[in-house]
Protein backbone atom coordinates (compact mmCIF):
# COMPACT_ATOMS: atom_id res chain seq x y z
CA MET A 1 -35.06 5.07 19.24
CA LYS A 2 -37.14 1.95 18.85
CA LYS A 3 -36.17 -1.31 20.52
CA GLU A 4 -37.33 -4.83 19.83
CA TYR A 5 -39.19 -6.56 22.67
CA GLU A 6 -40.67 -9.98 23.22
CA VAL A 7 -44.06 -9.52 24.91
CA VAL A 8 -45.72 -12.23 26.97
CA ALA A 9 -49.35 -11.35 27.67
CA GLU A 10 -51.27 -13.31 30.30
CA ILE A 11 -55.02 -12.87 30.69
CA SER A 12 -56.69 -14.45 33.71
CA ASN A 13 -60.49 -14.56 33.70
CA ALA A 14 -61.99 -15.64 37.04
CA CYS A 15 -65.51 -15.67 35.58
CA ALA A 16 -64.58 -18.26 32.96
CA GLY A 17 -63.78 -20.78 35.70
CA SER A 18 -60.37 -21.56 34.25
CA GLY A 19 -57.46 -21.87 36.65
CA ARG A 20 -54.96 -21.14 33.89
CA PRO A 21 -54.39 -17.81 32.19
CA GLN A 22 -54.49 -17.44 28.42
CA VAL A 23 -50.93 -16.73 27.29
CA TYR A 24 -49.92 -14.94 24.10
CA MET A 25 -46.45 -14.08 22.82
CA GLU A 26 -45.38 -11.61 20.16
CA GLU A 27 -42.40 -9.53 19.09
CA VAL A 28 -42.88 -5.77 18.80
CA GLU A 29 -40.71 -2.76 18.02
CA LEU A 30 -41.39 0.18 20.34
CA GLU A 31 -39.76 3.31 21.68
CA ASN A 32 -41.37 2.66 25.06
CA PRO A 33 -43.36 -0.39 26.29
CA ASP A 34 -45.82 2.03 27.96
CA GLU A 35 -47.15 2.74 24.42
CA TYR A 36 -48.21 -0.88 23.93
CA VAL A 37 -50.07 -1.19 27.23
CA ARG A 38 -51.63 2.27 26.93
CA MET A 39 -52.90 1.36 23.45
CA LYS A 40 -54.61 -1.77 24.84
CA HIS A 41 -55.92 -0.24 28.09
CA GLY A 42 -56.07 3.52 27.55
CA ARG A 43 -59.11 4.08 29.77
CA ASP A 44 -57.59 2.09 32.61
CA TRP A 45 -54.00 3.37 32.24
CA ASP A 46 -54.11 5.04 35.66
CA GLN A 47 -54.79 1.61 37.27
CA VAL A 48 -51.87 -0.17 35.58
CA LYS A 49 -48.96 -1.06 37.86
CA LYS A 50 -45.50 -1.03 36.29
CA GLU A 51 -42.47 -2.80 37.74
CA VAL A 52 -38.92 -3.24 36.47
CA LEU A 53 -37.77 -6.69 37.57
CA PRO A 54 -34.18 -7.47 38.69
CA SER A 55 -33.72 -9.39 35.41
CA GLY A 56 -34.38 -6.15 33.47
CA GLU A 57 -37.80 -7.27 32.28
CA ILE A 58 -40.59 -4.71 32.47
CA GLN A 59 -43.90 -5.96 33.82
CA TYR A 60 -47.30 -4.27 33.74
CA VAL A 61 -50.29 -5.57 35.70
CA LEU A 62 -53.91 -4.46 35.46
CA ASP A 63 -56.31 -6.19 37.85
CA LYS A 64 -59.96 -5.48 37.08
CA GLY A 65 -61.33 -7.93 39.69
CA SER A 66 -62.83 -10.69 37.57
CA ILE A 67 -60.19 -10.29 34.85
CA ALA A 68 -56.47 -9.53 35.17
CA TYR A 69 -53.90 -8.66 32.53
CA LYS A 70 -50.14 -9.07 32.86
CA TYR A 71 -47.65 -8.00 30.20
CA THR A 72 -43.96 -8.84 30.47
CA PHE A 73 -41.49 -7.16 28.08
CA THR A 74 -38.02 -8.58 27.45
CA GLU A 75 -35.44 -6.88 25.19
């Protein structure tokens, strides 16, 4: 069964010299948030760290050294 999530995506690029991450928000309907992150980072899926926060939010982090991605899903 699909659920509606708000996704906050943060992309931090150390090479760009910016101290602030780029932040994007969108609403998506998914059966499982893993699908969304796997679609974006299929090759690197085995490096993605998933955590369920006490608030119930689901957070995925992929740190590639010079660039890092963080996705937070809220129902």
